[in-house]
C-alpha atoms as a PDB file:
ATOM      1  CA  MET A   1       8.782  27.763   7.266  1.00  0.00           C
ATOM      2  CA  ASN A   2       5.903  27.069   9.199  1.00  0.00           C
ATOM      3  CA  LYS A   3       5.022  23.490  10.393  1.00  0.00           C
ATOM      4  CA  THR A   4       2.079  21.738   8.090  1.00  0.00           C
ATOM      5  CA  PRO A   5      -0.107  19.447  10.279  1.00  0.00           C
ATOM      6  CA  LEU A   6      -0.544  15.711   9.269  1.00  0.00           C
ATOM      7  CA  THR A   7      -1.933  12.620  10.954  1.00  0.00           C
ATOM      8  CA  VAL A   8       0.127  10.031  11.325  1.00  0.00           C
ATOM      9  CA  ALA A   9      -1.862   7.753   8.495  1.00  0.00           C
ATOM     10  CA  GLY A  10      -1.136  10.951   6.149  1.00  0.00           C
ATOM     11  CA  ALA A  11       2.498  11.339   6.927  1.00  0.00           C
ATOM     12  CA  GLU A  12       2.884   7.396   6.339  1.00  0.00           C
ATOM     13  CA  LYS A  13       0.963   7.578   3.022  1.00  0.00           C
ATOM     14  CA  LEU A  14       3.351  10.361   2.138  1.00  0.00           C
ATOM     15  CA  ARG A  15       6.019   8.147   3.027  1.00  0.00           C
ATOM     16  CA  GLN A  16       5.398   5.357   1.018  1.00  0.00           C
ATOM     17  CA  GLU A  17       4.803   7.728  -2.046  1.00  0.00           C
ATOM     18  CA  LEU A  18       8.371   9.197  -1.529  1.00  0.00           C
ATOM     19  CA  HIS A  19       9.675   5.723  -1.655  1.00  0.00           C
ATOM     20  CA  ARG A  20       7.659   4.344  -4.272  1.00  0.00           C
ATOM     21  CA  MET A  21       8.895   7.197  -6.628  1.00  0.00           C
ATOM     22  CA  LYS A  22      12.799   6.802  -5.173  1.00  0.00           C
ATOM     23  CA  THR A  23      13.046   2.312  -5.606  1.00  0.00           C
ATOM     24  CA  VAL A  24      10.346   2.072  -8.141  1.00  0.00           C
ATOM     25  CA  GLU A  25       9.792   5.447 -10.510  1.00  0.00           C
ATOM     26  CA  ARG A  26      13.082   6.899 -10.436  1.00  0.00           C
ATOM     27  CA  PRO A  27      15.104   3.830 -11.868  1.00  0.00           C
ATOM     28  CA  ASN A  28      12.233   2.780 -14.114  1.00  0.00           C
ATOM     29  CA  VAL A  29      12.486   6.497 -15.855  1.00  0.00           C
ATOM     30  CA  ILE A  30      16.321   5.923 -15.682  1.00  0.00           C
ATOM     31  CA  ALA A  31      16.169   2.708 -17.796  1.00  0.00           C
ATOM     32  CA  ALA A  32      13.715   4.149 -20.374  1.00  0.00           C
ATOM     33  CA  ILE A  33      16.185   7.048 -20.892  1.00  0.00           C
ATOM     34  CA  ALA A  34      18.894   4.934 -20.994  1.00  0.00           C
ATOM     35  CA  GLU A  35      16.783   2.771 -23.735  1.00  0.00           C
ATOM     36  CA  ALA A  36      15.886   5.684 -25.746  1.00  0.00           C
ATOM     37  CA  ARG A  37      19.181   6.981 -26.079  1.00  0.00           C
ATOM     38  CA  SER A  38      20.293   3.793 -27.415  1.00  0.00           C
ATOM     39  CA  HIS A  39      17.824   4.623 -30.659  1.00  0.00           C
ATOM     40  CA  GLY A  40      20.482   6.930 -31.803  1.00  0.00           C
ATOM     41  CA  ASP A  41      19.721  10.625 -32.958  1.00  0.00           C
ATOM     42  CA  LEU A  42      18.242  12.482 -29.572  1.00  0.00           C
ATOM     43  CA  SER A  43      17.331  15.757 -31.545  1.00  0.00           C
ATOM     44  CA  GLU A  44      14.345  13.553 -33.343  1.00  0.00           C
ATOM     45  CA  ASN A  45      13.668  10.951 -30.863  1.00  0.00           C
ATOM     46  CA  ALA A  46      10.043  11.297 -28.560  1.00  0.00           C
ATOM     47  CA  GLU A  47      10.797   8.379 -26.214  1.00  0.00           C
ATOM     48  CA  TYR A  48      13.803  10.279 -25.034  1.00  0.00           C
ATOM     49  CA  GLU A  49      11.638  13.623 -24.742  1.00  0.00           C
ATOM     50  CA  ALA A  50       9.086  11.883 -22.787  1.00  0.00           C
ATOM     51  CA  ALA A  51      11.435  10.149 -20.949  1.00  0.00           C
ATOM     52  CA  LYS A  52      13.141  13.489 -20.003  1.00  0.00           C
ATOM     53  CA  ASP A  53       9.654  14.971 -19.007  1.00  0.00           C
ATOM     54  CA  ARG A  54       8.866  11.682 -16.690  1.00  0.00           C
ATOM     55  CA  GLN A  55      12.269  12.034 -15.281  1.00  0.00           C
ATOM     56  CA  GLY A  56      11.235  15.976 -14.194  1.00  0.00           C
ATOM     57  CA  PHE A  57       8.010  15.326 -12.645  1.00  0.00           C
ATOM     58  CA  ILE A  58       9.573  12.594 -10.549  1.00  0.00           C
ATOM     59  CA  GLU A  59      12.359  14.585  -9.614  1.00  0.00           C
ATOM     60  CA  GLY A  60      10.370  17.593  -8.478  1.00  0.00           C
ATOM     61  CA  ARG A  61       8.050  15.142  -6.653  1.00  0.00           C
ATOM     62  CA  ILE A  62      10.439  13.095  -4.539  1.00  0.00           C
ATOM     63  CA  LYS A  63      11.848  16.958  -3.565  1.00  0.00           C
ATOM     64  CA  GLU A  64       7.972  18.121  -2.711  1.00  0.00           C
ATOM     65  CA  LEU A  65       7.397  14.950  -1.109  1.00  0.00           C
ATOM     66  CA  GLU A  66      10.766  15.482   0.893  1.00  0.00           C
ATOM     67  CA  ALA A  67       9.808  19.153   1.639  1.00  0.00           C
ATOM     68  CA  LYS A  68       5.879  18.375   3.038  1.00  0.00           C
ATOM     69  CA  ILE A  69       7.256  15.232   5.533  1.00  0.00           C
ATOM     70  CA  ALA A  70      10.010  17.602   6.592  1.00  0.00           C
ATOM     71  CA  ASN A  71       8.073  20.535   7.124  1.00  0.00           C
ATOM     72  CA  ALA A  72       5.181  18.300   8.856  1.00  0.00           C
ATOM     73  CA  GLN A  73       3.737  18.485  12.336  1.00  0.00           C
ATOM     74  CA  ILE A  74       2.431  14.932  12.687  1.00  0.00           C
ATOM     75  CA  ILE A  75      -0.872  14.710  15.052  1.00  0.00           C
ATOM     76  CA  ASP A  76      -2.037  11.604  16.288  1.00  0.00           C
ATOM     77  CA  PRO A  77      -5.232  11.908  17.137  1.00  0.00           C
ATOM     78  CA  LYS A  78      -5.402   9.256  19.471  1.00  0.00           C
ATOM     79  CA  LEU A  79      -3.413  10.995  21.809  1.00  0.00           C
ATOM     80  CA  LEU A  80      -5.475  14.289  21.938  1.00  0.00           C
ATOM     81  CA  ASP A  81      -6.720  15.332  24.888  1.00  0.00           C
ATOM     82  CA  ALA A  82      -9.278  18.199  23.792  1.00  0.00           C
ATOM     83  CA  ASP A  83     -12.245  17.324  25.976  1.00  0.00           C
ATOM     84  CA  GLY A  84     -14.738  16.862  22.981  1.00  0.00           C
ATOM     85  CA  ARG A  85     -14.118  20.053  21.372  1.00  0.00           C
ATOM     86  CA  CYS A  86     -13.708  19.872  17.380  1.00  0.00           C
ATOM     87  CA  VAL A  87      -9.889  20.005  16.671  1.00  0.00           C
ATOM     88  CA  PHE A  88      -7.258  18.815  14.183  1.00  0.00           C
ATOM     89  CA  GLY A  89      -7.559  15.050  13.594  1.00  0.00           C
ATOM     90  CA  ALA A  90     -11.385  14.832  15.172  1.00  0.00           C
ATOM     91  CA  THR A  91     -13.369  12.754  13.733  1.00  0.00           C
ATOM     92  CA  VAL A  92     -16.962  14.801  13.777  1.00  0.00           C
ATOM     93  CA  GLU A  93     -20.173  13.171  13.383  1.00  0.00           C
ATOM     94  CA  LEU A  94     -22.791  15.936  11.856  1.00  0.00           C
ATOM     95  CA  GLU A  95     -26.427  16.237  11.475  1.00  0.00           C
ATOM     96  CA  ASP A  96     -27.429  18.911   8.264  1.00  0.00           C
ATOM     97  CA  LEU A  97     -30.317  21.085  10.310  1.00  0.00           C
ATOM     98  CA  GLU A  98     -31.980  21.276   7.007  1.00  0.00           C
ATOM     99  CA  SER A  99     -32.207  18.007   5.536  1.00  0.00           C
ATOM    100  CA  GLY A 100     -31.602  15.956   8.993  1.00  0.00           C
ATOM    101  CA  GLN A 101     -28.859  14.009   6.928  1.00  0.00           C
ATOM    102  CA  THR A 102     -25.889  13.014   9.084  1.00  0.00           C
ATOM    103  CA  VAL A 103     -22.247  12.759   7.694  1.00  0.00           C
ATOM    104  CA  THR A 104     -19.017  11.746   9.817  1.00  0.00           C
ATOM    105  CA  TYR A 105     -15.696  13.550   8.444  1.00  0.00           C
ATOM    106  CA  GLN A 106     -12.587  13.516   9.846  1.00  0.00           C
ATOM    107  CA  ILE A 107     -10.342  16.692  10.009  1.00  0.00           C
ATOM    108  CA  VAL A 108      -6.860  16.484   8.199  1.00  0.00           C
ATOM    109  CA  GLY A 109      -3.997  18.475   6.601  1.00  0.00           C
ATOM    110  CA  ASP A 110      -4.581  19.805   3.023  1.00  0.00           C
ATOM    111  CA  ASP A 111      -2.307  16.699   1.537  1.00  0.00           C
ATOM    112  CA  GLU A 112      -4.373  14.232   3.331  1.00  0.00           C
ATOM    113  CA  ALA A 113      -8.181  15.795   2.557  1.00  0.00           C
ATOM    114  CA  ASP A 114     -10.266  13.032   0.024  1.00  0.00           C
ATOM    115  CA  VAL A 115     -14.259  13.579   0.123  1.00  0.00           C
ATOM    116  CA  LYS A 116     -14.497  10.130  -1.373  1.00  0.00           C
ATOM    117  CA  GLU A 117     -12.627   8.821   2.579  1.00  0.00           C
ATOM    118  CA  SER A 118     -14.964  11.458   4.547  1.00  0.00           C
ATOM    119  CA  LYS A 119     -11.646  13.362   5.202  1.00  0.00           C
ATOM    120  CA  ILE A 120     -11.592  16.993   5.020  1.00  0.00           C
ATOM    121  CA  SER A 121      -8.855  19.610   4.733  1.00  0.00           C
ATOM    122  CA  ILE A 122      -8.513  21.757   8.228  1.00  0.00           C
ATOM    123  CA  SER A 123      -8.876  24.476   5.864  1.00  0.00           C
ATOM    124  CA  SER A 124     -12.074  23.833   4.231  1.00  0.00           C
ATOM    125  CA  PRO A 125     -15.159  26.349   4.905  1.00  0.00           C
ATOM    126  CA  ILE A 126     -16.578  23.094   6.844  1.00  0.00           C
ATOM    127  CA  ALA A 127     -14.062  22.576   9.028  1.00  0.00           C
ATOM    128  CA  ARG A 128     -13.056  25.994   9.958  1.00  0.00           C
ATOM    129  CA  ALA A 129     -16.798  26.420  10.952  1.00  0.00           C
ATOM    130  CA  LEU A 130     -16.392  23.211  13.144  1.00  0.00           C
ATOM    131  CA  ILE A 131     -12.655  23.919  14.845  1.00  0.00           C
ATOM    132  CA  GLY A 132     -13.327  24.490  18.410  1.00  0.00           C
ATOM    133  CA  LYS A 133     -17.010  23.548  18.844  1.00  0.00           C
ATOM    134  CA  TYR A 134     -18.299  21.145  21.304  1.00  0.00           C
ATOM    135  CA  ALA A 135     -21.024  18.434  20.674  1.00  0.00           C
ATOM    136  CA  GLY A 136     -24.836  19.334  20.588  1.00  0.00           C
ATOM    137  CA  ASP A 137     -23.204  22.968  19.703  1.00  0.00           C
ATOM    138  CA  VAL A 138     -24.490  24.501  15.862  1.00  0.00           C
ATOM    139  CA  ALA A 139     -22.036  25.266  13.357  1.00  0.00           C
ATOM    140  CA  GLU A 140     -22.894  27.954  10.517  1.00  0.00           C
ATOM    141  CA  VAL A 141     -21.201  27.096   7.595  1.00  0.00           C
ATOM    142  CA  GLN A 142     -20.763  29.309   4.641  1.00  0.00           C
ATOM    143  CA  ALA A 143     -21.351  27.226   1.635  1.00  0.00           C
ATOM    144  CA  PRO A 144     -22.274  28.419  -2.405  1.00  0.00           C
ATOM    145  CA  GLY A 145     -25.701  27.518  -1.992  1.00  0.00           C
ATOM    146  CA  GLY A 146     -25.922  30.198   0.827  1.00  0.00           C
ATOM    147  CA  VAL A 147     -25.260  29.101   4.568  1.00  0.00           C
ATOM    148  CA  ARG A 148     -25.711  26.134   6.135  1.00  0.00           C
ATOM    149  CA  GLU A 149     -26.207  24.981   9.434  1.00  0.00           C
ATOM    150  CA  TYR A 150     -24.968  21.481  11.363  1.00  0.00           C
ATOM    151  CA  GLU A 151     -25.226  20.444  14.574  1.00  0.00           C
ATOM    152  CA  ILE A 152     -22.248  18.582  15.922  1.00  0.00           C
ATOM    153  CA  ILE A 153     -23.638  15.008  17.375  1.00  0.00           C
ATOM    154  CA  ASP A 154     -20.153  13.498  18.099  1.00  0.00           C
ATOM    155  CA  VAL A 155     -16.510  14.164  18.114  1.00  0.00           C
ATOM    156  CA  ARG A 156     -13.759  11.363  18.584  1.00  0.00           C
ATOM    157  CA  TYR A 157     -10.062  10.895  18.433  1.00  0.00           C
ATOM    158  CA  VAL A 158      -9.577   7.882  16.425  1.00  0.00           C
END
């Protein structure tokens, strides 16, 4: 199986969620199932069914998180020596050549992408257009509204 790139922060976030699922969510749902069982007839017990459904979700999420962590290639952007190139983990400051607006994004793994936190997925069109380019280069991004051009102002590894 291929390794999935993750930043150190993204891997830590997955580990924390896994820990919470195992130490908080799993025991809570087991207690809810025991409580629902104590109410008697399970065939018409909605609480029992809901708790069992929740248990299935939690166990599935635990397996998913364990697999993601096991298959992760953890990359620390601070340790990169990419000579100013846009690479996975880099923080890139861009200027939209049409509007003049500047934005800053960090290129991260699919599981940690969050536009609200200025983190874009390595597989997104904008990240694919940026990879391998240097500050001063212009990247053409195929967007739903047509091609957009961004000038790379700065590339940092933080």
